[in-house]
């Protein structure tokens, strides 16, 4: 089994892993109600997708 000859420095390890980060999902604005929503998904506020009502959203009980 291979073993490293020298200890890897934390800065070198950080440079190697610099691209391994999470990115935020792409957000769009709903053209119907103007609330933020995920791209290519039905709007959770109004239920519209692609200029038509895809699902019926029930009002919340408050």
Protein backbone atom coordinates (compact mmCIF):
# COMPACT_ATOMS: atom_id res chain seq x y z
CA UNK A 1 0.00 0.00 0.00
CA UNK A 2 1.41 3.39 -0.99
CA UNK A 3 2.12 5.99 1.68
CA UNK A 4 2.90 9.68 1.18
CA UNK A 5 6.55 10.65 1.64
CA UNK A 6 5.73 14.03 3.22
CA UNK A 7 2.78 15.64 4.96
CA UNK A 8 0.51 17.63 2.64
CA UNK A 9 0.16 21.24 3.79
CA UNK A 10 -3.33 22.61 4.52
CA UNK A 11 -2.88 25.38 1.96
CA UNK A 12 -2.00 22.88 -0.78
CA UNK A 13 -5.00 20.77 0.20
CA UNK A 14 -7.19 23.89 0.08
CA UNK A 15 -5.90 24.81 -3.39
CA UNK A 16 -6.72 21.34 -4.62
CA UNK A 17 -10.26 21.49 -3.20
CA UNK A 18 -10.98 25.11 -4.19
CA UNK A 19 -13.47 24.08 -6.89
CA UNK A 20 -15.37 21.64 -4.65
CA UNK A 21 -18.01 24.05 -3.38
CA UNK A 22 -21.78 24.16 -3.46
CA UNK A 23 -23.50 26.62 -5.73
CA UNK A 24 -26.91 28.22 -5.33
CA UNK A 25 -29.72 26.92 -7.54
CA UNK A 26 -30.69 29.08 -10.51
CA UNK A 27 -33.60 31.32 -9.50
CA UNK A 28 -36.01 33.08 -11.85
CA UNK A 29 -38.88 35.50 -11.36
CA UNK A 30 -42.38 34.19 -11.99
CA UNK A 31 -43.89 36.17 -14.90
CA UNK A 32 -47.36 35.81 -13.40
CA UNK A 33 -46.92 36.78 -9.72
CA UNK A 34 -43.30 38.12 -9.78
CA UNK A 35 -42.13 35.97 -6.87
CA UNK A 36 -38.80 34.08 -6.97
CA UNK A 37 -38.98 30.46 -8.13
CA UNK A 38 -36.66 27.72 -9.35
CA UNK A 39 -35.95 27.64 -13.07
CA UNK A 40 -38.03 25.19 -15.14
CA UNK A 41 -40.35 24.50 -12.17
CA UNK A 42 -43.92 25.39 -11.30
CA UNK A 43 -44.25 28.54 -9.18
CA UNK A 44 -45.12 27.49 -5.59
CA UNK A 45 -47.03 30.74 -4.95
CA UNK A 46 -49.42 30.86 -7.90
CA UNK A 47 -49.04 27.43 -9.60
CA UNK A 48 -48.26 28.81 -13.07
CA UNK A 49 -45.68 27.37 -15.48
CA UNK A 50 -45.03 28.26 -19.12
CA UNK A 51 -47.86 30.85 -19.35
CA UNK A 52 -50.56 28.50 -18.08
CA UNK A 53 -51.87 27.28 -14.72
CA UNK A 54 -50.20 23.93 -14.09
CA UNK A 55 -51.46 23.21 -10.57
CA UNK A 56 -54.16 24.66 -8.35
CA UNK A 57 -52.69 26.24 -5.24
CA UNK A 58 -54.92 26.24 -2.18
CA UNK A 59 -54.79 29.33 0.08
CA UNK A 60 -53.08 28.81 3.41
CA UNK A 61 -55.19 28.85 6.60
CA UNK A 62 -54.10 31.81 8.70
